[in-house]
Amino acid sequence: MLDTFEQAAGEAGFALDDAQRAAAARLARLGAELTGRRRFFAGPPPCGLYVWGPVGRGKSWLTEVFYEALPLPRKRRVHFHEFFREFHAVYARHRRERDACDLAVAELLGDALGGDSLPLDINRTLSRLRLLDRSS
């Protein structure tokens, strides 16, 4: 997948710098982890990745190339705020059920979720959502 980033940069008329190449390498590793696991027997899902940096450094571009290159049948790209608006609506439908948080997240997530301003460490995010679920 790392070649995909290099090729996409060339097609867009630029070359990756060292920081972008390092982020692309980590995204490529995450892509390999996501596509190489078997759904039922793989153990815990791979940790996600949060891409950060100054404005104009290519974060959105890197995540878009990653998303487009990821060969998963169920995936979606969403902004952080949009995801949580959707989460609250779905959670409200399940709020009287025992594992409302888990049910809402399962309904929203595919095999991969990514997007602008969205932390990709879903395990940590789910843990925080479960704490909120138990406190209400």
C-alpha atoms as a PDB file:
ATOM      1  CA  MET A   1       0.000   0.000   0.000  1.00  0.00           C
ATOM      2  CA  LEU A   2       2.948   2.373   0.527  1.00  0.00           C
ATOM      3  CA  ASP A   3       3.469   2.410  -3.241  1.00  0.00           C
ATOM      4  CA  THR A   4      -0.132   3.600  -3.563  1.00  0.00           C
ATOM      5  CA  PHE A   5       0.702   6.746  -1.584  1.00  0.00           C
ATOM      6  CA  GLU A   6       3.808   7.436  -3.677  1.00  0.00           C
ATOM      7  CA  GLN A   7       1.882   6.904  -6.908  1.00  0.00           C
ATOM      8  CA  ALA A   8      -1.044   9.092  -5.791  1.00  0.00           C
ATOM      9  CA  ALA A   9       1.367  11.885  -4.813  1.00  0.00           C
ATOM     10  CA  GLY A  10       3.045  11.691  -8.224  1.00  0.00           C
ATOM     11  CA  GLU A  11      -0.325  11.822  -9.979  1.00  0.00           C
ATOM     12  CA  ALA A  12      -1.245  14.866  -7.864  1.00  0.00           C
ATOM     13  CA  GLY A  13       2.008  16.562  -8.906  1.00  0.00           C
ATOM     14  CA  PHE A  14       4.069  16.360  -5.737  1.00  0.00           C
ATOM     15  CA  ALA A  15       6.396  14.034  -3.843  1.00  0.00           C
ATOM     16  CA  LEU A  16       5.897  12.928  -0.248  1.00  0.00           C
ATOM     17  CA  ASP A  17       8.234  14.548   2.258  1.00  0.00           C
ATOM     18  CA  ASP A  18       9.762  12.545   5.120  1.00  0.00           C
ATOM     19  CA  ALA A  19       6.913  13.243   7.572  1.00  0.00           C
ATOM     20  CA  GLN A  20       4.245  12.357   5.004  1.00  0.00           C
ATOM     21  CA  ARG A  21       6.155   9.214   4.035  1.00  0.00           C
ATOM     22  CA  ALA A  22       6.333   8.160   7.712  1.00  0.00           C
ATOM     23  CA  ALA A  23       2.578   8.708   8.128  1.00  0.00           C
ATOM     24  CA  ALA A  24       1.915   6.830   4.867  1.00  0.00           C
ATOM     25  CA  ALA A  25       4.070   3.924   6.084  1.00  0.00           C
ATOM     26  CA  ARG A  26       2.104   3.716   9.333  1.00  0.00           C
ATOM     27  CA  LEU A  27      -1.196   3.921   7.438  1.00  0.00           C
ATOM     28  CA  ALA A  28       0.030   1.162   5.108  1.00  0.00           C
ATOM     29  CA  ARG A  29       0.852  -1.001   8.153  1.00  0.00           C
ATOM     30  CA  LEU A  30      -2.624  -0.360   9.563  1.00  0.00           C
ATOM     31  CA  GLY A  31      -4.136  -1.276   6.191  1.00  0.00           C
ATOM     32  CA  ALA A  32      -2.235  -4.563   6.205  1.00  0.00           C
ATOM     33  CA  GLU A  33      -3.432  -5.281   9.754  1.00  0.00           C
ATOM     34  CA  LEU A  34      -7.050  -4.516   8.843  1.00  0.00           C
ATOM     35  CA  THR A  35      -7.093  -6.537   5.627  1.00  0.00           C
ATOM     36  CA  GLY A  36      -5.054  -9.436   7.014  1.00  0.00           C
ATOM     37  CA  ARG A  37      -7.278 -10.296   9.954  1.00  0.00           C
ATOM     38  CA  ARG A  38     -10.044 -12.858   9.971  1.00  0.00           C
ATOM     39  CA  ARG A  39     -13.265 -11.612  11.462  1.00  0.00           C
ATOM     40  CA  PHE A  40     -13.985 -14.290  14.100  1.00  0.00           C
ATOM     41  CA  PHE A  41     -10.596 -15.683  15.079  1.00  0.00           C
ATOM     42  CA  ALA A  42      -8.293 -12.705  14.841  1.00  0.00           C
ATOM     43  CA  GLY A  43      -8.397 -11.549  18.446  1.00  0.00           C
ATOM     44  CA  PRO A  44      -8.761  -7.882  19.187  1.00  0.00           C
ATOM     45  CA  PRO A  45      -8.930  -5.493  16.246  1.00  0.00           C
ATOM     46  CA  PRO A  46      -5.788  -3.518  15.429  1.00  0.00           C
ATOM     47  CA  CYS A  47      -5.297  -0.178  17.120  1.00  0.00           C
ATOM     48  CA  GLY A  48      -6.209   2.746  14.960  1.00  0.00           C
ATOM     49  CA  LEU A  49      -4.185   5.744  14.025  1.00  0.00           C
ATOM     50  CA  TYR A  50      -4.653   9.434  14.678  1.00  0.00           C
ATOM     51  CA  VAL A  51      -3.021  11.589  11.997  1.00  0.00           C
ATOM     52  CA  TRP A  52      -2.257  15.087  13.243  1.00  0.00           C
ATOM     53  CA  GLY A  53      -0.162  18.061  12.233  1.00  0.00           C
ATOM     54  CA  PRO A  54      -0.315  21.670  11.083  1.00  0.00           C
ATOM     55  CA  VAL A  55      -2.841  22.883   8.540  1.00  0.00           C
ATOM     56  CA  GLY A  56      -1.869  22.141   4.952  1.00  0.00           C
ATOM     57  CA  ARG A  57       0.445  19.185   5.633  1.00  0.00           C
ATOM     58  CA  GLY A  58      -1.665  16.611   3.782  1.00  0.00           C
ATOM     59  CA  LYS A  59      -3.528  14.849   6.590  1.00  0.00           C
ATOM     60  CA  SER A  60      -6.861  14.778   4.769  1.00  0.00           C
ATOM     61  CA  TRP A  61      -5.140  13.758   1.539  1.00  0.00           C
ATOM     62  CA  LEU A  62      -3.312  10.874   3.270  1.00  0.00           C
ATOM     63  CA  THR A  63      -6.502   9.604   4.909  1.00  0.00           C
ATOM     64  CA  GLU A  64      -8.401   9.863   1.613  1.00  0.00           C
ATOM     65  CA  VAL A  65      -5.737   7.826  -0.233  1.00  0.00           C
ATOM     66  CA  PHE A  66      -5.733   5.302   2.628  1.00  0.00           C
ATOM     67  CA  TYR A  67      -9.519   4.987   2.547  1.00  0.00           C
ATOM     68  CA  GLU A  68      -9.679   4.594  -1.232  1.00  0.00           C
ATOM     69  CA  ALA A  69      -6.895   1.968  -1.229  1.00  0.00           C
ATOM     70  CA  LEU A  70      -8.357  -0.121   1.603  1.00  0.00           C
ATOM     71  CA  PRO A  71      -9.950  -3.204  -0.027  1.00  0.00           C
ATOM     72  CA  LEU A  72     -12.680  -3.788   2.544  1.00  0.00           C
ATOM     73  CA  PRO A  73     -16.298  -4.365   1.532  1.00  0.00           C
ATOM     74  CA  ARG A  74     -17.711  -2.436   4.517  1.00  0.00           C
ATOM     75  CA  LYS A  75     -16.005   0.851   5.238  1.00  0.00           C
ATOM     76  CA  ARG A  76     -16.998   4.444   5.661  1.00  0.00           C
ATOM     77  CA  ARG A  77     -15.367   7.818   5.916  1.00  0.00           C
ATOM     78  CA  VAL A  78     -16.979  10.303   8.257  1.00  0.00           C
ATOM     79  CA  HIS A  79     -16.118  13.502  10.131  1.00  0.00           C
ATOM     80  CA  PHE A  80     -15.857  13.225  13.924  1.00  0.00           C
ATOM     81  CA  HIS A  81     -18.851  15.487  14.597  1.00  0.00           C
ATOM     82  CA  GLU A  82     -21.032  13.716  12.038  1.00  0.00           C
ATOM     83  CA  PHE A  83     -20.141  10.328  13.572  1.00  0.00           C
ATOM     84  CA  PHE A  84     -21.207  11.447  17.040  1.00  0.00           C
ATOM     85  CA  ARG A  85     -24.442  13.008  15.760  1.00  0.00           C
ATOM     86  CA  GLU A  86     -25.253   9.648  14.175  1.00  0.00           C
ATOM     87  CA  PHE A  87     -24.122   7.782  17.282  1.00  0.00           C
ATOM     88  CA  HIS A  88     -26.462   9.750  19.535  1.00  0.00           C
ATOM     89  CA  ALA A  89     -29.430   9.109  17.223  1.00  0.00           C
ATOM     90  CA  VAL A  90     -28.741   5.358  17.030  1.00  0.00           C
ATOM     91  CA  TYR A  91     -27.982   5.157  20.758  1.00  0.00           C
ATOM     92  CA  ALA A  92     -31.358   6.767  21.494  1.00  0.00           C
ATOM     93  CA  ARG A  93     -33.071   3.905  19.636  1.00  0.00           C
ATOM     94  CA  HIS A  94     -31.227   1.333  21.778  1.00  0.00           C
ATOM     95  CA  ARG A  95     -31.152   3.230  25.087  1.00  0.00           C
ATOM     96  CA  ARG A  96     -33.475   0.793  26.877  1.00  0.00           C
ATOM     97  CA  GLU A  97     -31.448  -2.254  25.823  1.00  0.00           C
ATOM     98  CA  ARG A  98     -28.719  -3.739  28.006  1.00  0.00           C
ATOM     99  CA  ASP A  99     -25.680  -2.992  25.813  1.00  0.00           C
ATOM    100  CA  ALA A 100     -27.017   0.141  24.130  1.00  0.00           C
ATOM    101  CA  CYS A 101     -23.562   1.568  23.466  1.00  0.00           C
ATOM    102  CA  ASP A 102     -22.235  -1.633  21.889  1.00  0.00           C
ATOM    103  CA  LEU A 103     -25.371  -2.030  19.779  1.00  0.00           C
ATOM    104  CA  ALA A 104     -25.184   1.555  18.530  1.00  0.00           C
ATOM    105  CA  VAL A 105     -21.503   1.308  17.646  1.00  0.00           C
ATOM    106  CA  ALA A 106     -21.944  -2.064  15.929  1.00  0.00           C
ATOM    107  CA  GLU A 107     -24.736  -0.571  13.845  1.00  0.00           C
ATOM    108  CA  LEU A 108     -22.578   2.381  12.788  1.00  0.00           C
ATOM    109  CA  LEU A 109     -19.223   0.731  12.139  1.00  0.00           C
ATOM    110  CA  GLY A 110     -18.094  -1.388   9.239  1.00  0.00           C
ATOM    111  CA  ASP A 111     -14.773  -3.211   9.163  1.00  0.00           C
ATOM    112  CA  ALA A 112     -12.993   0.131   8.984  1.00  0.00           C
ATOM    113  CA  LEU A 113     -13.904   3.650   9.875  1.00  0.00           C
ATOM    114  CA  GLY A 114     -11.891   6.697   9.048  1.00  0.00           C
ATOM    115  CA  GLY A 115     -12.260  10.338   8.385  1.00  0.00           C
ATOM    116  CA  ASP A 116     -11.329  13.913   8.983  1.00  0.00           C
ATOM    117  CA  SER A 117     -10.986  14.850  12.634  1.00  0.00           C
ATOM    118  CA  LEU A 118     -11.982  11.356  13.658  1.00  0.00           C
ATOM    119  CA  PRO A 119      -9.677   9.432  15.987  1.00  0.00           C
ATOM    120  CA  LEU A 120      -9.175   6.018  14.469  1.00  0.00           C
ATOM    121  CA  ASP A 121      -8.426   4.353  17.788  1.00  0.00           C
ATOM    122  CA  ILE A 122     -11.924   2.938  17.984  1.00  0.00           C
ATOM    123  CA  ASN A 123     -11.144   0.667  20.969  1.00  0.00           C
ATOM    124  CA  ARG A 124     -10.279   3.652  23.153  1.00  0.00           C
ATOM    125  CA  THR A 125     -13.278   5.595  21.867  1.00  0.00           C
ATOM    126  CA  LEU A 126     -15.624   2.674  22.580  1.00  0.00           C
ATOM    127  CA  SER A 127     -14.259   2.346  26.119  1.00  0.00           C
ATOM    128  CA  ARG A 128     -15.048   6.001  26.765  1.00  0.00           C
ATOM    129  CA  LEU A 129     -18.516   5.650  25.278  1.00  0.00           C
ATOM    130  CA  ARG A 130     -19.200   2.625  27.524  1.00  0.00           C
ATOM    131  CA  LEU A 131     -18.223   4.674  30.579  1.00  0.00           C
ATOM    132  CA  LEU A 132     -20.689   7.354  29.519  1.00  0.00           C
ATOM    133  CA  ASP A 133     -23.305   4.657  28.916  1.00  0.00           C
ATOM    134  CA  ARG A 134     -22.897   3.270  32.456  1.00  0.00           C
ATOM    135  CA  SER A 135     -23.067   6.704  34.057  1.00  0.00           C
ATOM    136  CA  SER A 136     -26.465   7.554  32.574  1.00  0.00           C
END
